[in-house]
């Protein structure tokens, strides 16, 4: 019964994913989220390759095809998280650059952790490729859970609406990651079997696709305006000042211009020569007033010009 239900859910995945891809193409959301659109298309192609191999009963080809496709899906999923961060931090270019840098270091740390743990683990039934993919996959699930917590706590500060597609993509990945991590913990404790774990993961992923379809059908909403956005703007401005610091010697021209403006507005003290000229002009004007009017009339006309 578990096998039949699991196969039914597995077959339902590409049908739902094709519906999601069609809705995204119809709403032209594949231009805004091209990596997520590529992730959905890859999952459909992955089913078309893996399911016939699984039904044929050949174990080794299916084993290697499954883990190689899981590694590719893991890499694309990591890029999807990066794309979500770029969409959320789009109004803040400096925070976006910082997020890109952190994602590059996170990918490198994940790869190093997978290599070290795989090399240090004892040999078991799984191959080195399978162990490395499992470790990186668990690291990815932790990052996806952290992403949904990040958006839940900082959505108001970043102006992210709960109706945006980026929030819906995060909700789907975060919910699936949480269920898978809890299922792995129960499986490691021996409380559930592998078939039950596979059924739980398949059902959780089906609900994630339904969440993505619902968010893709929602009308696009603009960012929320809030007074808390000032904090994010101050963070972005602080990072901008840290990346492009003002030189220490650049303050000198600023102070010089301030002093020049201050002296230009202050009243200028007249010099000695200017004072004597003012006294001479004043005496001439007084003497001109004392001259009788008949003297002015006696002056020849050509001299009076």
C-alpha atoms as a PDB file:
ATOM      1  CA  UNK A   1       0.000   0.000   0.000  1.00  0.00           C
ATOM      2  CA  UNK A   2       2.826   2.341   0.862  1.00  0.00           C
ATOM      3  CA  UNK A   3       4.515   1.585  -2.452  1.00  0.00           C
ATOM      4  CA  UNK A   4       1.356   2.256  -4.483  1.00  0.00           C
ATOM      5  CA  UNK A   5       0.621   5.512  -2.699  1.00  0.00           C
ATOM      6  CA  UNK A   6       4.233   6.607  -3.026  1.00  0.00           C
ATOM      7  CA  UNK A   7       4.215   5.871  -6.751  1.00  0.00           C
ATOM      8  CA  UNK A   8       0.956   7.805  -7.160  1.00  0.00           C
ATOM      9  CA  UNK A   9       2.409  10.822  -5.409  1.00  0.00           C
ATOM     10  CA  UNK A  10       5.624  10.499  -7.398  1.00  0.00           C
ATOM     11  CA  UNK A  11       3.675  10.509 -10.673  1.00  0.00           C
ATOM     12  CA  UNK A  12       1.621  13.482  -9.441  1.00  0.00           C
ATOM     13  CA  UNK A  13       4.777  15.587  -8.987  1.00  0.00           C
ATOM     14  CA  UNK A  14       5.526  16.202 -12.689  1.00  0.00           C
ATOM     15  CA  UNK A  15       1.847  16.927 -13.351  1.00  0.00           C
ATOM     16  CA  UNK A  16       1.805  19.584 -10.643  1.00  0.00           C
ATOM     17  CA  UNK A  17       5.195  20.900 -11.700  1.00  0.00           C
ATOM     18  CA  UNK A  18       4.076  21.247 -15.312  1.00  0.00           C
ATOM     19  CA  UNK A  19       1.036  23.165 -14.070  1.00  0.00           C
ATOM     20  CA  UNK A  20       3.312  25.428 -12.033  1.00  0.00           C
ATOM     21  CA  UNK A  21       5.624  26.003 -15.000  1.00  0.00           C
ATOM     22  CA  UNK A  22       2.616  26.837 -17.188  1.00  0.00           C
ATOM     23  CA  UNK A  23       1.279  29.345 -14.654  1.00  0.00           C
ATOM     24  CA  UNK A  24       4.689  30.965 -14.282  1.00  0.00           C
ATOM     25  CA  UNK A  25       5.076  31.234 -18.056  1.00  0.00           C
ATOM     26  CA  UNK A  26       1.556  32.628 -18.401  1.00  0.00           C
ATOM     27  CA  UNK A  27       2.150  35.235 -15.692  1.00  0.00           C
ATOM     28  CA  UNK A  28       5.666  35.871 -17.084  1.00  0.00           C
ATOM     29  CA  UNK A  29       7.152  35.047 -13.716  1.00  0.00           C
ATOM     30  CA  UNK A  30       9.866  32.971 -15.380  1.00  0.00           C
ATOM     31  CA  UNK A  31      11.605  36.259 -16.190  1.00  0.00           C
ATOM     32  CA  UNK A  32      11.625  37.346 -12.558  1.00  0.00           C
ATOM     33  CA  UNK A  33      12.630  33.918 -11.188  1.00  0.00           C
ATOM     34  CA  UNK A  34      14.513  32.160 -14.016  1.00  0.00           C
ATOM     35  CA  UNK A  35      16.487  29.857 -11.691  1.00  0.00           C
ATOM     36  CA  UNK A  36      13.363  28.647  -9.907  1.00  0.00           C
ATOM     37  CA  UNK A  37      11.688  28.080 -13.275  1.00  0.00           C
ATOM     38  CA  UNK A  38      14.728  26.069 -14.394  1.00  0.00           C
ATOM     39  CA  UNK A  39      14.507  24.084 -11.130  1.00  0.00           C
ATOM     40  CA  UNK A  40      10.897  23.114 -11.853  1.00  0.00           C
ATOM     41  CA  UNK A  41      11.673  22.146 -15.456  1.00  0.00           C
ATOM     42  CA  UNK A  42      14.638  20.069 -14.283  1.00  0.00           C
ATOM     43  CA  UNK A  43      12.432  18.190 -11.822  1.00  0.00           C
ATOM     44  CA  UNK A  44      10.071  17.244 -14.658  1.00  0.00           C
ATOM     45  CA  UNK A  45      12.948  16.051 -16.857  1.00  0.00           C
ATOM     46  CA  UNK A  46      14.420  14.215 -13.881  1.00  0.00           C
ATOM     47  CA  UNK A  47      11.188  12.254 -13.443  1.00  0.00           C
ATOM     48  CA  UNK A  48      11.108  11.367 -17.142  1.00  0.00           C
ATOM     49  CA  UNK A  49      14.586   9.851 -16.789  1.00  0.00           C
ATOM     50  CA  UNK A  50      14.430   8.246 -13.340  1.00  0.00           C
ATOM     51  CA  UNK A  51      10.959   6.696 -13.361  1.00  0.00           C
ATOM     52  CA  UNK A  52      11.490   4.412 -16.394  1.00  0.00           C
ATOM     53  CA  UNK A  53      14.817   3.255 -14.917  1.00  0.00           C
ATOM     54  CA  UNK A  54      13.084   2.613 -11.583  1.00  0.00           C
ATOM     55  CA  UNK A  55      10.302   0.605 -13.208  1.00  0.00           C
ATOM     56  CA  UNK A  56      12.808  -1.447 -15.203  1.00  0.00           C
ATOM     57  CA  UNK A  57      14.241  -2.870 -11.978  1.00  0.00           C
ATOM     58  CA  UNK A  58      17.901  -2.216 -12.740  1.00  0.00           C
ATOM     59  CA  UNK A  59      19.417  -1.205  -9.426  1.00  0.00           C
ATOM     60  CA  UNK A  60      22.859   0.141 -10.264  1.00  0.00           C
ATOM     61  CA  UNK A  61      21.854   2.472 -13.145  1.00  0.00           C
ATOM     62  CA  UNK A  62      19.027   3.843 -11.028  1.00  0.00           C
ATOM     63  CA  UNK A  63      21.348   4.275  -8.063  1.00  0.00           C
ATOM     64  CA  UNK A  64      23.906   6.370  -9.924  1.00  0.00           C
ATOM     65  CA  UNK A  65      21.279   8.284 -11.920  1.00  0.00           C
ATOM     66  CA  UNK A  66      19.415   9.150  -8.715  1.00  0.00           C
ATOM     67  CA  UNK A  67      22.429  10.494  -6.845  1.00  0.00           C
ATOM     68  CA  UNK A  68      23.805  12.421  -9.820  1.00  0.00           C
ATOM     69  CA  UNK A  69      20.415  14.052 -10.360  1.00  0.00           C
ATOM     70  CA  UNK A  70      20.207  14.759  -6.618  1.00  0.00           C
ATOM     71  CA  UNK A  71      23.554  16.580  -6.764  1.00  0.00           C
ATOM     72  CA  UNK A  72      22.398  18.665  -9.748  1.00  0.00           C
ATOM     73  CA  UNK A  73      19.090  19.437  -8.037  1.00  0.00           C
ATOM     74  CA  UNK A  74      20.988  20.436  -4.919  1.00  0.00           C
ATOM     75  CA  UNK A  75      23.133  22.917  -6.857  1.00  0.00           C
ATOM     76  CA  UNK A  76      20.110  24.456  -8.595  1.00  0.00           C
ATOM     77  CA  UNK A  77      18.231  24.611  -5.284  1.00  0.00           C
ATOM     78  CA  UNK A  78      21.088  26.552  -3.743  1.00  0.00           C
ATOM     79  CA  UNK A  79      20.923  29.017  -6.631  1.00  0.00           C
ATOM     80  CA  UNK A  80      17.168  29.336  -6.036  1.00  0.00           C
ATOM     81  CA  UNK A  81      17.846  30.457  -2.464  1.00  0.00           C
ATOM     82  CA  UNK A  82      20.352  32.977  -3.800  1.00  0.00           C
ATOM     83  CA  UNK A  83      17.750  34.224  -6.290  1.00  0.00           C
ATOM     84  CA  UNK A  84      15.217  34.697  -3.497  1.00  0.00           C
ATOM     85  CA  UNK A  85      17.707  36.740  -1.498  1.00  0.00           C
ATOM     86  CA  UNK A  86      18.460  38.906  -4.524  1.00  0.00           C
ATOM     87  CA  UNK A  87      14.739  39.552  -5.013  1.00  0.00           C
ATOM     88  CA  UNK A  88      14.198  40.384  -1.341  1.00  0.00           C
ATOM     89  CA  UNK A  89      17.251  42.689  -1.145  1.00  0.00           C
ATOM     90  CA  UNK A  90      16.725  44.309  -4.565  1.00  0.00           C
ATOM     91  CA  UNK A  91      16.082  47.840  -3.132  1.00  0.00           C
ATOM     92  CA  UNK A  92      19.305  47.600  -1.112  1.00  0.00           C
ATOM     93  CA  UNK A  93      22.238  47.082  -3.514  1.00  0.00           C
ATOM     94  CA  UNK A  94      24.918  46.998  -0.817  1.00  0.00           C
ATOM     95  CA  UNK A  95      23.046  44.408   1.250  1.00  0.00           C
ATOM     96  CA  UNK A  96      22.512  42.429  -1.954  1.00  0.00           C
ATOM     97  CA  UNK A  97      26.252  42.386  -2.640  1.00  0.00           C
ATOM     98  CA  UNK A  98      26.889  41.282   0.935  1.00  0.00           C
ATOM     99  CA  UNK A  99      24.329  38.485   0.585  1.00  0.00           C
ATOM    100  CA  UNK A 100      25.985  37.295  -2.626  1.00  0.00           C
ATOM    101  CA  UNK A 101      29.350  37.189  -0.894  1.00  0.00           C
ATOM    102  CA  UNK A 102      27.911  35.254   2.044  1.00  0.00           C
ATOM    103  CA  UNK A 103      26.282  32.747  -0.287  1.00  0.00           C
ATOM    104  CA  UNK A 104      29.562  32.065  -2.044  1.00  0.00           C
ATOM    105  CA  UNK A 105      31.273  31.385   1.272  1.00  0.00           C
ATOM    106  CA  UNK A 106      28.318  29.254   2.436  1.00  0.00           C
ATOM    107  CA  UNK A 107      28.582  27.103  -0.701  1.00  0.00           C
ATOM    108  CA  UNK A 108      32.314  26.657  -0.144  1.00  0.00           C
ATOM    109  CA  UNK A 109      31.804  25.743   3.526  1.00  0.00           C
ATOM    110  CA  UNK A 110      29.096  23.222   2.600  1.00  0.00           C
ATOM    111  CA  UNK A 111      31.401  21.595   0.071  1.00  0.00           C
ATOM    112  CA  UNK A 112      34.291  21.418   2.530  1.00  0.00           C
ATOM    113  CA  UNK A 113      32.080  19.984   5.291  1.00  0.00           C
ATOM    114  CA  UNK A 114      30.742  17.335   2.926  1.00  0.00           C
ATOM    115  CA  UNK A 115      34.248  16.358   1.828  1.00  0.00           C
ATOM    116  CA  UNK A 116      35.663  16.222   5.375  1.00  0.00           C
ATOM    117  CA  UNK A 117      32.744  14.277   6.859  1.00  0.00           C
ATOM    118  CA  UNK A 118      32.703  11.876   3.917  1.00  0.00           C
ATOM    119  CA  UNK A 119      36.446  11.223   4.207  1.00  0.00           C
ATOM    120  CA  UNK A 120      36.248  10.784   7.997  1.00  0.00           C
ATOM    121  CA  UNK A 121      33.167   8.533   8.012  1.00  0.00           C
ATOM    122  CA  UNK A 122      33.477   4.791   8.242  1.00  0.00           C
ATOM    123  CA  UNK A 123      32.835   2.783   5.096  1.00  0.00           C
ATOM    124  CA  UNK A 124      29.276   1.582   4.832  1.00  0.00           C
ATOM    125  CA  UNK A 125      26.727   0.563   2.267  1.00  0.00           C
ATOM    126  CA  UNK A 126      26.629   4.003   0.617  1.00  0.00           C
ATOM    127  CA  UNK A 127      29.262   5.162  -1.838  1.00  0.00           C
ATOM    128  CA  UNK A 128      31.328   8.313  -1.392  1.00  0.00           C
ATOM    129  CA  UNK A 129      29.103  10.162  -3.858  1.00  0.00           C
ATOM    130  CA  UNK A 130      25.958   9.219  -1.959  1.00  0.00           C
ATOM    131  CA  UNK A 131      27.451  10.213   1.404  1.00  0.00           C
ATOM    132  CA  UNK A 132      28.640  13.568   0.079  1.00  0.00           C
ATOM    133  CA  UNK A 133      25.254  14.330  -1.480  1.00  0.00           C
ATOM    134  CA  UNK A 134      23.404  13.348   1.712  1.00  0.00           C
ATOM    135  CA  UNK A 135      25.574  15.630   3.856  1.00  0.00           C
ATOM    136  CA  UNK A 136      25.233  18.570   1.462  1.00  0.00           C
ATOM    137  CA  UNK A 137      21.511  17.925   1.200  1.00  0.00           C
ATOM    138  CA  UNK A 138      21.100  18.144   4.964  1.00  0.00           C
ATOM    139  CA  UNK A 139      23.127  21.349   5.026  1.00  0.00           C
ATOM    140  CA  UNK A 140      20.841  22.711   2.308  1.00  0.00           C
ATOM    141  CA  UNK A 141      17.741  21.835   4.320  1.00  0.00           C
ATOM    142  CA  UNK A 142      19.136  23.696   7.319  1.00  0.00           C
ATOM    143  CA  UNK A 143      19.778  26.763   5.138  1.00  0.00           C
ATOM    144  CA  UNK A 144      16.233  26.580   3.748  1.00  0.00           C
ATOM    145  CA  UNK A 145      14.800  26.448   7.269  1.00  0.00           C
ATOM    146  CA  UNK A 146      16.962  29.425   8.213  1.00  0.00           C
ATOM    147  CA  UNK A 147      15.743  31.291   5.131  1.00  0.00           C
ATOM    148  CA  UNK A 148      12.092  30.987   6.066  1.00  0.00           C
ATOM    149  CA  UNK A 149      12.886  32.109   9.619  1.00  0.00           C
ATOM    150  CA  UNK A 150      14.816  35.055   8.196  1.00  0.00           C
ATOM    151  CA  UNK A 151      11.873  36.178   6.076  1.00  0.00           C
ATOM    152  CA  UNK A 152       9.382  35.650   8.894  1.00  0.00           C
ATOM    153  CA  UNK A 153      11.333  37.871  11.282  1.00  0.00           C
ATOM    154  CA  UNK A 154      12.727  40.479   8.857  1.00  0.00           C
ATOM    155  CA  UNK A 155       9.965  40.752   6.242  1.00  0.00           C
ATOM    156  CA  UNK A 156       8.639  43.985   7.767  1.00  0.00           C
ATOM    157  CA  UNK A 157      12.090  45.513   7.965  1.00  0.00           C
ATOM    158  CA  UNK A 158      12.740  44.704   4.299  1.00  0.00           C
ATOM    159  CA  UNK A 159       9.265  45.622   3.052  1.00  0.00           C
ATOM    160  CA  UNK A 160       8.556  42.058   1.853  1.00  0.00           C
ATOM    161  CA  UNK A 161       4.872  41.266   1.537  1.00  0.00           C
ATOM    162  CA  UNK A 162       3.553  37.893   2.645  1.00  0.00           C
ATOM    163  CA  UNK A 163       1.804  37.658  -0.742  1.00  0.00           C
ATOM    164  CA  UNK A 164       4.985  37.926  -2.840  1.00  0.00           C
ATOM    165  CA  UNK A 165       6.095  34.911  -4.851  1.00  0.00           C
ATOM    166  CA  UNK A 166       9.536  35.008  -3.256  1.00  0.00           C
ATOM    167  CA  UNK A 167       7.908  34.525   0.134  1.00  0.00           C
ATOM    168  CA  UNK A 168       5.806  31.656  -1.238  1.00  0.00           C
ATOM    169  CA  UNK A 169       8.858  29.921  -2.713  1.00  0.00           C
ATOM    170  CA  UNK A 170      10.607  30.245   0.628  1.00  0.00           C
ATOM    171  CA  UNK A 171       7.547  28.921   2.449  1.00  0.00           C
ATOM    172  CA  UNK A 172       7.407  25.859   0.225  1.00  0.00           C
ATOM    173  CA  UNK A 173      11.108  25.052   0.501  1.00  0.00           C
ATOM    174  CA  UNK A 174      11.194  25.797   4.224  1.00  0.00           C
ATOM    175  CA  UNK A 175       8.164  23.651   4.995  1.00  0.00           C
ATOM    176  CA  UNK A 176       9.521  20.724   2.995  1.00  0.00           C
ATOM    177  CA  UNK A 177      12.963  21.080   4.588  1.00  0.00           C
ATOM    178  CA  UNK A 178      11.483  21.120   8.089  1.00  0.00           C
ATOM    179  CA  UNK A 179       9.436  17.972   7.461  1.00  0.00           C
ATOM    180  CA  UNK A 180      12.416  16.188   5.922  1.00  0.00           C
ATOM    181  CA  UNK A 181      14.739  17.063   8.813  1.00  0.00           C
ATOM    182  CA  UNK A 182      12.185  15.899  11.371  1.00  0.00           C
ATOM    183  CA  UNK A 183      11.653  12.687   9.394  1.00  0.00           C
ATOM    184  CA  UNK A 184      15.398  12.051   9.232  1.00  0.00           C
ATOM    185  CA  UNK A 185      15.651  12.542  12.992  1.00  0.00           C
ATOM    186  CA  UNK A 186      12.832  10.040  13.572  1.00  0.00           C
ATOM    187  CA  UNK A 187      14.387   7.599  11.111  1.00  0.00           C
ATOM    188  CA  UNK A 188      17.801   7.860  12.774  1.00  0.00           C
ATOM    189  CA  UNK A 189      16.141   7.133  16.132  1.00  0.00           C
ATOM    190  CA  UNK A 190      14.512   4.014  14.715  1.00  0.00           C
ATOM    191  CA  UNK A 191      10.954   5.300  15.221  1.00  0.00           C
ATOM    192  CA  UNK A 192       9.905   5.126  11.565  1.00  0.00           C
ATOM    193  CA  UNK A 193      10.893   2.945   8.609  1.00  0.00           C
ATOM    194  CA  UNK A 194      12.442   4.025   5.327  1.00  0.00           C
ATOM    195  CA  UNK A 195       9.179   3.552   3.380  1.00  0.00           C
ATOM    196  CA  UNK A 196       7.349   5.780   5.844  1.00  0.00           C
ATOM    197  CA  UNK A 197      10.080   8.395   5.574  1.00  0.00           C
ATOM    198  CA  UNK A 198       9.882   8.329   1.775  1.00  0.00           C
ATOM    199  CA  UNK A 199       6.090   8.662   1.900  1.00  0.00           C
ATOM    200  CA  UNK A 200       6.308  11.625   4.287  1.00  0.00           C
ATOM    201  CA  UNK A 201       8.862  13.412   2.105  1.00  0.00           C
ATOM    202  CA  UNK A 202       6.861  12.788  -1.070  1.00  0.00           C
ATOM    203  CA  UNK A 203       3.679  14.116   0.528  1.00  0.00           C
ATOM    204  CA  UNK A 204       5.456  17.194   1.918  1.00  0.00           C
ATOM    205  CA  UNK A 205       6.930  18.006  -1.497  1.00  0.00           C
ATOM    206  CA  UNK A 206       3.473  17.708  -3.056  1.00  0.00           C
ATOM    207  CA  UNK A 207       2.154  20.299  -0.621  1.00  0.00           C
ATOM    208  CA  UNK A 208       5.126  22.538  -1.444  1.00  0.00           C
ATOM    209  CA  UNK A 209       4.243  22.463  -5.146  1.00  0.00           C
ATOM    210  CA  UNK A 210       0.642  23.334  -4.316  1.00  0.00           C
ATOM    211  CA  UNK A 211       1.862  26.300  -2.265  1.00  0.00           C
ATOM    212  CA  UNK A 212       3.983  27.492  -5.205  1.00  0.00           C
ATOM    213  CA  UNK A 213       1.040  27.189  -7.596  1.00  0.00           C
ATOM    214  CA  UNK A 214      -1.170  29.184  -5.227  1.00  0.00           C
ATOM    215  CA  UNK A 215       1.390  31.971  -4.885  1.00  0.00           C
ATOM    216  CA  UNK A 216       1.994  32.030  -8.652  1.00  0.00           C
ATOM    217  CA  UNK A 217      -1.735  32.554  -9.210  1.00  0.00           C
ATOM    218  CA  UNK A 218      -1.894  35.440  -6.744  1.00  0.00           C
ATOM    219  CA  UNK A 219      -1.910  38.969  -8.068  1.00  0.00           C
ATOM    220  CA  UNK A 220       1.501  40.610  -7.876  1.00  0.00           C
ATOM    221  CA  UNK A 221       1.788  42.928  -4.899  1.00  0.00           C
ATOM    222  CA  UNK A 222       4.157  45.806  -4.327  1.00  0.00           C
ATOM    223  CA  UNK A 223       6.449  46.097  -1.378  1.00  0.00           C
ATOM    224  CA  UNK A 224       4.992  47.198   1.910  1.00  0.00           C
ATOM    225  CA  UNK A 225       5.762  50.650   3.169  1.00  0.00           C
ATOM    226  CA  UNK A 226       6.731  50.809   6.815  1.00  0.00           C
ATOM    227  CA  UNK A 227       8.659  53.012   9.165  1.00  0.00           C
ATOM    228  CA  UNK A 228      10.887  50.014   9.919  1.00  0.00           C
ATOM    229  CA  UNK A 229      12.297  50.264   6.409  1.00  0.00           C
ATOM    230  CA  UNK A 230      14.440  53.133   7.654  1.00  0.00           C
ATOM    231  CA  UNK A 231      16.521  50.609   9.595  1.00  0.00           C
ATOM    232  CA  UNK A 232      17.261  48.622   6.432  1.00  0.00           C
ATOM    233  CA  UNK A 233      18.070  51.829   4.592  1.00  0.00           C
ATOM    234  CA  UNK A 234      20.510  52.767   7.360  1.00  0.00           C
ATOM    235  CA  UNK A 235      22.135  49.325   7.066  1.00  0.00           C
ATOM    236  CA  UNK A 236      22.489  49.765   3.322  1.00  0.00           C
ATOM    237  CA  UNK A 237      23.887  53.275   3.772  1.00  0.00           C
ATOM    238  CA  UNK A 238      26.336  52.054   6.421  1.00  0.00           C
ATOM    239  CA  UNK A 239      27.592  49.310   4.116  1.00  0.00           C
ATOM    240  CA  UNK A 240      27.941  51.851   1.315  1.00  0.00           C
ATOM    241  CA  UNK A 241      30.065  54.103   3.526  1.00  0.00           C
ATOM    242  CA  UNK A 242      32.138  51.109   4.638  1.00  0.00           C
ATOM    243  CA  UNK A 243      32.765  50.061   1.032  1.00  0.00           C
ATOM    244  CA  UNK A 244      33.557  53.601  -0.147  1.00  0.00           C
ATOM    245  CA  UNK A 245      35.167  55.400   2.827  1.00  0.00           C
ATOM    246  CA  UNK A 246      35.855  59.113   2.600  1.00  0.00           C
ATOM    247  CA  UNK A 247      39.589  59.935   2.666  1.00  0.00           C
ATOM    248  CA  UNK A 248      41.056  61.741   5.666  1.00  0.00           C
ATOM    249  CA  UNK A 249      42.520  64.545   3.563  1.00  0.00           C
ATOM    250  CA  UNK A 250      39.227  65.210   1.843  1.00  0.00           C
ATOM    251  CA  UNK A 251      37.982  67.127   4.898  1.00  0.00           C
ATOM    252  CA  UNK A 252      40.521  69.901   4.367  1.00  0.00           C
ATOM    253  CA  UNK A 253      38.912  71.332   1.211  1.00  0.00           C
ATOM    254  CA  UNK A 254      35.556  71.197   2.937  1.00  0.00           C
ATOM    255  CA  UNK A 255      36.796  73.253   5.888  1.00  0.00           C
ATOM    256  CA  UNK A 256      38.549  75.687   3.550  1.00  0.00           C
ATOM    257  CA  UNK A 257      35.340  76.288   1.629  1.00  0.00           C
ATOM    258  CA  UNK A 258      33.466  76.817   4.899  1.00  0.00           C
ATOM    259  CA  UNK A 259      36.023  79.401   6.051  1.00  0.00           C
ATOM    260  CA  UNK A 260      35.902  81.197   2.686  1.00  0.00           C
ATOM    261  CA  UNK A 261      32.128  81.409   2.847  1.00  0.00           C
ATOM    262  CA  UNK A 262      32.294  82.713   6.398  1.00  0.00           C
ATOM    263  CA  UNK A 263      34.762  85.494   5.450  1.00  0.00           C
ATOM    264  CA  UNK A 264      32.810  86.423   2.353  1.00  0.00           C
ATOM    265  CA  UNK A 265      29.669  86.986   4.424  1.00  0.00           C
ATOM    266  CA  UNK A 266      31.473  88.975   7.168  1.00  0.00           C
ATOM    267  CA  UNK A 267      31.715  92.825   6.779  1.00  0.00           C
ATOM    268  CA  UNK A 268      35.063  93.780   5.260  1.00  0.00           C
ATOM    269  CA  UNK A 269      37.160  96.475   7.077  1.00  0.00           C
ATOM    270  CA  UNK A 270      37.940  99.412   4.730  1.00  0.00           C
ATOM    271  CA  UNK A 271      41.548 100.331   4.066  1.00  0.00           C
ATOM    272  CA  UNK A 272      43.175 103.757   4.777  1.00  0.00           C
ATOM    273  CA  UNK A 273      43.172 104.927   1.151  1.00  0.00           C
ATOM    274  CA  UNK A 274      39.486 104.146   0.832  1.00  0.00           C
ATOM    275  CA  UNK A 275      38.775 106.206   3.977  1.00  0.00           C
ATOM    276  CA  UNK A 276      40.641 109.274   2.599  1.00  0.00           C
ATOM    277  CA  UNK A 277      38.765 109.034  -0.709  1.00  0.00           C
ATOM    278  CA  UNK A 278      35.463 108.934   1.162  1.00  0.00           C
ATOM    279  CA  UNK A 279      36.408 112.098   3.163  1.00  0.00           C
ATOM    280  CA  UNK A 280      37.422 113.919  -0.051  1.00  0.00           C
ATOM    281  CA  UNK A 281      34.150 113.040  -1.755  1.00  0.00           C
ATOM    282  CA  UNK A 282      32.234 114.227   1.293  1.00  0.00           C
ATOM    283  CA  UNK A 283      34.058 117.647   1.321  1.00  0.00           C
ATOM    284  CA  UNK A 284      33.449 118.143  -2.388  1.00  0.00           C
ATOM    285  CA  UNK A 285      29.764 117.455  -1.990  1.00  0.00           C
ATOM    286  CA  UNK A 286      29.545 119.958   0.895  1.00  0.00           C
ATOM    287  CA  UNK A 287      31.434 122.709  -1.016  1.00  0.00           C
ATOM    288  CA  UNK A 288      29.242 122.099  -4.018  1.00  0.00           C
ATOM    289  CA  UNK A 289      26.196 122.764  -1.926  1.00  0.00           C
ATOM    290  CA  UNK A 290      27.676 126.100  -0.666  1.00  0.00           C
ATOM    291  CA  UNK A 291      28.400 127.525  -4.186  1.00  0.00           C
ATOM    292  CA  UNK A 292      25.719 130.112  -5.145  1.00  0.00           C
ATOM    293  CA  UNK A 293      23.450 129.455  -8.021  1.00  0.00           C
ATOM    294  CA  UNK A 294      24.615 132.571  -9.933  1.00  0.00           C
ATOM    295  CA  UNK A 295      28.161 131.204 -10.104  1.00  0.00           C
ATOM    296  CA  UNK A 296      26.857 128.103 -11.824  1.00  0.00           C
ATOM    297  CA  UNK A 297      25.075 130.268 -14.373  1.00  0.00           C
ATOM    298  CA  UNK A 298      28.336 132.205 -15.161  1.00  0.00           C
ATOM    299  CA  UNK A 299      30.134 129.074 -16.236  1.00  0.00           C
ATOM    300  CA  UNK A 300      30.295 128.776 -20.080  1.00  0.00           C
ATOM    301  CA  UNK A 301      28.093 126.094 -21.549  1.00  0.00           C
ATOM    302  CA  UNK A 302      30.908 124.161 -23.208  1.00  0.00           C
ATOM    303  CA  UNK A 303      32.797 123.887 -19.897  1.00  0.00           C
ATOM    304  CA  UNK A 304      29.731 122.709 -18.079  1.00  0.00           C
ATOM    305  CA  UNK A 305      29.481 119.510 -20.116  1.00  0.00           C
END
